[in-house]
Amino acid sequence: MAELMPVLKEHKLFYIDSRTSPATVAYDTAQQFGVRAAFRNVPFLDDVENVAAVRKLIEIAIAGAARKKDAFAIGHPYPSTLEALKETSPQAKTHGVKLVFASELVR
């Protein structure tokens, strides 16, 4: 991470830590190097490629975003994830949650 962060800073990029390991140092290292960074703060969306399972996790992410004012959810462009996002979009709006690019929230 100490080798990566100066390169990200030089190119004015940011880093989002998926927090898939409790031993992660990425976010803290980014902060030390002055790299804009964030971390996933709701469940990972699509460990299982199943529309119903992903939809449930997106609903949890929506509730987290509504409660926390913002949330970083991470998923893949799997067909099941895209379908679940399409299905839950109206629910997000109902809860006052707007999907945005990560670059809009990274600090």
N, C-alpha and C. Protein backbone atom coordinates (compact mmCIF):
# COMPACT_ATOMS: atom_id res chain seq x y z
N MET A 1 0.82 -1.19 0.00
CA MET A 1 0.00 0.00 0.00
C MET A 1 0.87 1.27 0.00
N ALA A 2 1.99 1.21 0.69
CA ALA A 2 2.87 2.37 0.74
C ALA A 2 3.47 2.68 -0.62
N GLU A 3 3.53 1.70 -1.49
CA GLU A 3 4.03 1.95 -2.86
C GLU A 3 2.90 2.44 -3.77
N LEU A 4 1.70 1.98 -3.51
CA LEU A 4 0.55 2.34 -4.34
C LEU A 4 0.10 3.79 -4.11
N MET A 5 0.02 4.20 -2.87
CA MET A 5 -0.59 5.48 -2.54
C MET A 5 0.10 6.69 -3.19
N PRO A 6 1.43 6.76 -3.24
CA PRO A 6 2.05 7.90 -3.93
C PRO A 6 1.66 7.97 -5.42
N VAL A 7 1.50 6.82 -6.04
CA VAL A 7 1.10 6.79 -7.45
C VAL A 7 -0.32 7.31 -7.59
N LEU A 8 -1.22 6.88 -6.71
CA LEU A 8 -2.60 7.38 -6.75
C LEU A 8 -2.63 8.89 -6.55
N LYS A 9 -1.86 9.36 -5.59
CA LYS A 9 -1.82 10.80 -5.32
C LYS A 9 -1.28 11.57 -6.52
N GLU A 10 -0.21 11.07 -7.13
CA GLU A 10 0.38 11.74 -8.29
C GLU A 10 -0.63 11.89 -9.43
N HIS A 11 -1.48 10.90 -9.60
CA HIS A 11 -2.46 10.92 -10.69
C HIS A 11 -3.83 11.45 -10.25
N LYS A 12 -3.88 11.98 -9.02
CA LYS A 12 -5.11 12.56 -8.48
C LYS A 12 -6.26 11.54 -8.47
N LEU A 13 -5.93 10.31 -8.10
CA LEU A 13 -6.93 9.24 -8.00
C LEU A 13 -7.29 9.03 -6.54
N PHE A 14 -8.30 8.23 -6.30
CA PHE A 14 -8.71 7.93 -4.93
C PHE A 14 -8.74 6.42 -4.74
N TYR A 15 -8.94 6.02 -3.50
CA TYR A 15 -8.94 4.59 -3.16
C TYR A 15 -10.17 4.27 -2.32
N ILE A 16 -10.85 3.20 -2.66
CA ILE A 16 -11.95 2.72 -1.83
C ILE A 16 -11.58 1.33 -1.33
N ASP A 17 -11.50 1.21 -0.04
CA ASP A 17 -11.13 -0.05 0.60
C ASP A 17 -12.38 -0.91 0.74
N SER A 18 -12.33 -2.11 0.20
CA SER A 18 -13.49 -3.00 0.27
C SER A 18 -13.67 -3.60 1.65
N ARG A 19 -12.66 -3.50 2.49
CA ARG A 19 -12.71 -4.02 3.86
C ARG A 19 -13.12 -5.49 3.91
N THR A 20 -12.53 -6.28 3.03
CA THR A 20 -12.81 -7.71 3.02
C THR A 20 -11.96 -8.47 4.02
N SER A 21 -11.02 -7.78 4.64
CA SER A 21 -10.17 -8.39 5.65
C SER A 21 -10.12 -7.47 6.88
N PRO A 22 -10.24 -8.04 8.07
CA PRO A 22 -10.14 -7.19 9.26
C PRO A 22 -8.74 -6.61 9.45
N ALA A 23 -7.76 -7.17 8.75
CA ALA A 23 -6.38 -6.69 8.87
C ALA A 23 -6.03 -5.63 7.82
N THR A 24 -7.01 -5.09 7.15
CA THR A 24 -6.75 -4.12 6.10
C THR A 24 -6.02 -2.88 6.63
N VAL A 25 -5.11 -2.38 5.82
CA VAL A 25 -4.38 -1.15 6.17
C VAL A 25 -4.55 -0.09 5.09
N ALA A 26 -5.31 -0.40 4.06
CA ALA A 26 -5.39 0.46 2.88
C ALA A 26 -5.94 1.85 3.20
N TYR A 27 -7.06 1.92 3.89
CA TYR A 27 -7.66 3.23 4.18
C TYR A 27 -6.71 4.09 5.01
N ASP A 28 -6.17 3.52 6.07
CA ASP A 28 -5.26 4.28 6.93
C ASP A 28 -4.01 4.72 6.18
N THR A 29 -3.51 3.86 5.31
CA THR A 29 -2.32 4.21 4.52
C THR A 29 -2.65 5.34 3.55
N ALA A 30 -3.81 5.27 2.93
CA ALA A 30 -4.22 6.34 2.03
C ALA A 30 -4.28 7.67 2.78
N GLN A 31 -4.86 7.65 3.98
CA GLN A 31 -4.95 8.86 4.78
C GLN A 31 -3.55 9.41 5.10
N GLN A 32 -2.62 8.53 5.44
CA GLN A 32 -1.25 8.95 5.77
C GLN A 32 -0.57 9.63 4.58
N PHE A 33 -0.91 9.18 3.36
CA PHE A 33 -0.28 9.73 2.16
C PHE A 33 -1.08 10.89 1.55
N GLY A 34 -2.18 11.26 2.19
CA GLY A 34 -2.99 12.36 1.68
C GLY A 34 -3.79 11.98 0.44
N VAL A 35 -4.10 10.70 0.29
CA VAL A 35 -4.90 10.23 -0.84
C VAL A 35 -6.37 10.22 -0.40
N ARG A 36 -7.23 10.79 -1.23
CA ARG A 36 -8.66 10.74 -0.92
C ARG A 36 -9.06 9.27 -0.84
N ALA A 37 -9.83 8.93 0.19
CA ALA A 37 -10.16 7.52 0.39
C ALA A 37 -11.49 7.38 1.10
N ALA A 38 -12.04 6.20 0.98
CA ALA A 38 -13.27 5.82 1.68
C ALA A 38 -13.21 4.31 1.86
N PHE A 39 -14.22 3.79 2.53
CA PHE A 39 -14.29 2.34 2.69
C PHE A 39 -15.74 1.88 2.67
N ARG A 40 -15.90 0.63 2.28
CA ARG A 40 -17.23 0.03 2.24
C ARG A 40 -17.76 0.01 3.66
N ASN A 41 -18.98 0.55 3.85
CA ASN A 41 -19.55 0.60 5.19
C ASN A 41 -20.94 -0.02 5.29
N VAL A 42 -21.28 -0.80 4.29
CA VAL A 42 -22.49 -1.63 4.29
C VAL A 42 -22.07 -2.98 3.71
N PRO A 43 -22.92 -4.01 3.82
CA PRO A 43 -22.50 -5.33 3.33
C PRO A 43 -22.10 -5.34 1.86
N PHE A 44 -21.16 -6.23 1.53
CA PHE A 44 -20.78 -6.47 0.14
C PHE A 44 -22.02 -6.99 -0.59
N LEU A 45 -22.32 -6.50 -1.78
CA LEU A 45 -23.61 -6.75 -2.42
C LEU A 45 -23.78 -8.10 -3.07
N ASP A 46 -22.74 -8.66 -3.63
CA ASP A 46 -23.00 -9.82 -4.48
C ASP A 46 -21.98 -10.94 -4.35
N ASP A 47 -21.77 -11.37 -3.11
CA ASP A 47 -20.96 -12.58 -2.92
C ASP A 47 -21.63 -13.77 -3.59
N VAL A 48 -22.95 -13.70 -3.68
CA VAL A 48 -23.74 -14.75 -4.34
C VAL A 48 -24.44 -14.10 -5.53
N GLU A 49 -24.30 -14.69 -6.70
CA GLU A 49 -24.92 -14.14 -7.90
C GLU A 49 -26.36 -14.63 -8.01
N ASN A 50 -27.21 -14.04 -7.20
CA ASN A 50 -28.63 -14.40 -7.16
C ASN A 50 -29.41 -13.11 -6.93
N VAL A 51 -30.37 -12.84 -7.81
CA VAL A 51 -31.09 -11.57 -7.76
C VAL A 51 -31.72 -11.34 -6.40
N ALA A 52 -32.41 -12.34 -5.85
CA ALA A 52 -33.09 -12.16 -4.55
C ALA A 52 -32.09 -11.87 -3.44
N ALA A 53 -30.98 -12.58 -3.43
CA ALA A 53 -29.96 -12.37 -2.39
C ALA A 53 -29.34 -10.98 -2.53
N VAL A 54 -29.03 -10.58 -3.74
CA VAL A 54 -28.43 -9.25 -3.96
C VAL A 54 -29.44 -8.17 -3.61
N ARG A 55 -30.70 -8.37 -3.99
CA ARG A 55 -31.74 -7.39 -3.67
C ARG A 55 -31.82 -7.15 -2.16
N LYS A 56 -31.77 -8.23 -1.38
CA LYS A 56 -31.82 -8.11 0.08
C LYS A 56 -30.64 -7.29 0.60
N LEU A 57 -29.46 -7.54 0.07
CA LEU A 57 -28.28 -6.79 0.52
C LEU A 57 -28.33 -5.33 0.07
N ILE A 58 -28.90 -5.08 -1.09
CA ILE A 58 -29.08 -3.69 -1.53
C ILE A 58 -30.07 -2.98 -0.62
N GLU A 59 -31.11 -3.68 -0.20
CA GLU A 59 -32.07 -3.09 0.73
C GLU A 59 -31.39 -2.73 2.05
N ILE A 60 -30.49 -3.58 2.51
CA ILE A 60 -29.72 -3.29 3.73
C ILE A 60 -28.82 -2.07 3.49
N ALA A 61 -28.21 -2.00 2.32
CA ALA A 61 -27.36 -0.85 1.98
C ALA A 61 -28.17 0.44 1.91
N ILE A 62 -29.36 0.36 1.36
CA ILE A 62 -30.23 1.54 1.27
C ILE A 62 -30.58 2.02 2.68
N ALA A 63 -30.94 1.10 3.55
CA ALA A 63 -31.26 1.48 4.93
C ALA A 63 -30.04 2.10 5.62
N GLY A 64 -28.86 1.52 5.37
CA GLY A 64 -27.63 2.08 5.93
C GLY A 64 -27.34 3.47 5.41
N ALA A 65 -27.54 3.67 4.13
CA ALA A 65 -27.30 4.98 3.53
C ALA A 65 -28.27 6.02 4.10
N ALA A 66 -29.52 5.63 4.26
CA ALA A 66 -30.51 6.56 4.81
C ALA A 66 -30.15 6.94 6.25
N ARG A 67 -29.66 5.97 6.99
CA ARG A 67 -29.31 6.19 8.40
C ARG A 67 -28.00 6.99 8.55
N LYS A 68 -27.01 6.68 7.71
CA LYS A 68 -25.67 7.27 7.84
C LYS A 68 -25.46 8.53 7.01
N LYS A 69 -26.40 8.86 6.18
CA LYS A 69 -26.29 9.99 5.24
C LYS A 69 -25.52 9.63 3.98
N ASP A 70 -24.63 8.65 4.03
CA ASP A 70 -24.00 8.13 2.83
C ASP A 70 -23.49 6.73 3.12
N ALA A 71 -23.29 5.99 2.06
CA ALA A 71 -22.81 4.62 2.21
C ALA A 71 -22.02 4.24 0.98
N PHE A 72 -21.01 3.42 1.19
CA PHE A 72 -20.24 2.87 0.09
C PHE A 72 -20.55 1.39 0.01
N ALA A 73 -21.25 1.02 -1.04
CA ALA A 73 -21.56 -0.38 -1.31
C ALA A 73 -20.69 -0.81 -2.48
N ILE A 74 -20.25 -2.05 -2.44
CA ILE A 74 -19.41 -2.56 -3.52
C ILE A 74 -20.05 -3.82 -4.09
N GLY A 75 -20.10 -3.87 -5.40
CA GLY A 75 -20.62 -5.04 -6.10
C GLY A 75 -19.95 -5.13 -7.47
N HIS A 76 -20.35 -6.10 -8.21
CA HIS A 76 -19.81 -6.34 -9.55
C HIS A 76 -20.89 -6.09 -10.60
N PRO A 77 -20.50 -5.91 -11.85
CA PRO A 77 -21.51 -5.71 -12.90
C PRO A 77 -22.11 -7.03 -13.39
N TYR A 78 -22.41 -7.93 -12.45
CA TYR A 78 -23.05 -9.19 -12.80
C TYR A 78 -24.49 -8.91 -13.23
N PRO A 79 -25.04 -9.71 -14.12
CA PRO A 79 -26.45 -9.52 -14.50
C PRO A 79 -27.38 -9.52 -13.28
N SER A 80 -27.13 -10.39 -12.31
CA SER A 80 -27.99 -10.44 -11.12
C SER A 80 -27.90 -9.14 -10.31
N THR A 81 -26.72 -8.57 -10.22
CA THR A 81 -26.54 -7.32 -9.48
C THR A 81 -27.24 -6.18 -10.19
N LEU A 82 -27.08 -6.11 -11.50
CA LEU A 82 -27.71 -5.04 -12.28
C LEU A 82 -29.23 -5.15 -12.22
N GLU A 83 -29.76 -6.36 -12.28
CA GLU A 83 -31.21 -6.56 -12.18
C GLU A 83 -31.71 -6.13 -10.80
N ALA A 84 -31.00 -6.53 -9.75
CA ALA A 84 -31.40 -6.16 -8.39
C ALA A 84 -31.34 -4.64 -8.20
N LEU A 85 -30.33 -3.99 -8.76
CA LEU A 85 -30.25 -2.53 -8.68
C LEU A 85 -31.45 -1.88 -9.37
N LYS A 86 -31.81 -2.40 -10.52
CA LYS A 86 -32.96 -1.86 -11.25
C LYS A 86 -34.25 -2.02 -10.42
N GLU A 87 -34.38 -3.17 -9.79
CA GLU A 87 -35.58 -3.45 -8.99
C GLU A 87 -35.65 -2.60 -7.73
N THR A 88 -34.52 -2.28 -7.14
CA THR A 88 -34.52 -1.55 -5.86
C THR A 88 -34.39 -0.04 -6.03
N SER A 89 -34.18 0.42 -7.23
CA SER A 89 -34.03 1.86 -7.46
C SER A 89 -35.22 2.67 -6.92
N PRO A 90 -36.46 2.26 -7.17
CA PRO A 90 -37.58 3.03 -6.61
C PRO A 90 -37.57 3.06 -5.08
N GLN A 91 -37.16 1.96 -4.46
CA GLN A 91 -37.09 1.90 -3.00
C GLN A 91 -36.04 2.88 -2.47
N ALA A 92 -34.92 2.98 -3.17
CA ALA A 92 -33.88 3.93 -2.76
C ALA A 92 -34.44 5.35 -2.77
N LYS A 93 -35.14 5.71 -3.83
CA LYS A 93 -35.71 7.05 -3.94
C LYS A 93 -36.71 7.31 -2.82
N THR A 94 -37.52 6.30 -2.49
CA THR A 94 -38.50 6.43 -1.41
C THR A 94 -37.82 6.76 -0.08
N HIS A 95 -36.63 6.21 0.12
CA HIS A 95 -35.89 6.44 1.36
C HIS A 95 -34.98 7.67 1.27
N GLY A 96 -35.07 8.41 0.18
CA GLY A 96 -34.25 9.60 0.01
C GLY A 96 -32.80 9.29 -0.31
N VAL A 97 -32.56 8.10 -0.84
CA VAL A 97 -31.20 7.67 -1.18
C VAL A 97 -31.00 7.81 -2.68
N LYS A 98 -29.91 8.44 -3.05
CA LYS A 98 -29.58 8.65 -4.46
C LYS A 98 -28.28 7.93 -4.77
N LEU A 99 -28.27 7.15 -5.83
CA LEU A 99 -27.04 6.50 -6.27
C LEU A 99 -26.17 7.52 -6.98
N VAL A 100 -24.91 7.59 -6.58
CA VAL A 100 -23.98 8.55 -7.18
C VAL A 100 -22.66 7.85 -7.46
N PHE A 101 -21.82 8.50 -8.22
CA PHE A 101 -20.47 7.98 -8.45
C PHE A 101 -19.69 8.08 -7.14
N ALA A 102 -18.84 7.11 -6.91
CA ALA A 102 -18.02 7.10 -5.70
C ALA A 102 -17.20 8.37 -5.57
N SER A 103 -16.75 8.91 -6.69
CA SER A 103 -15.92 10.12 -6.66
C SER A 103 -16.63 11.30 -6.02
N GLU A 104 -17.96 11.27 -5.99
CA GLU A 104 -18.72 12.36 -5.38
C GLU A 104 -18.68 12.31 -3.84
N LEU A 105 -18.36 11.16 -3.28
CA LEU A 105 -18.40 11.01 -1.83
C LEU A 105 -17.04 10.84 -1.17
N VAL A 106 -16.04 10.51 -1.96
CA VAL A 106 -14.71 10.26 -1.39
C VAL A 106 -14.15 11.57 -0.84
N ARG A 107 -13.58 11.48 0.35
CA ARG A 107 -13.02 12.68 0.99
C ARG A 107 -11.53 12.53 1.14
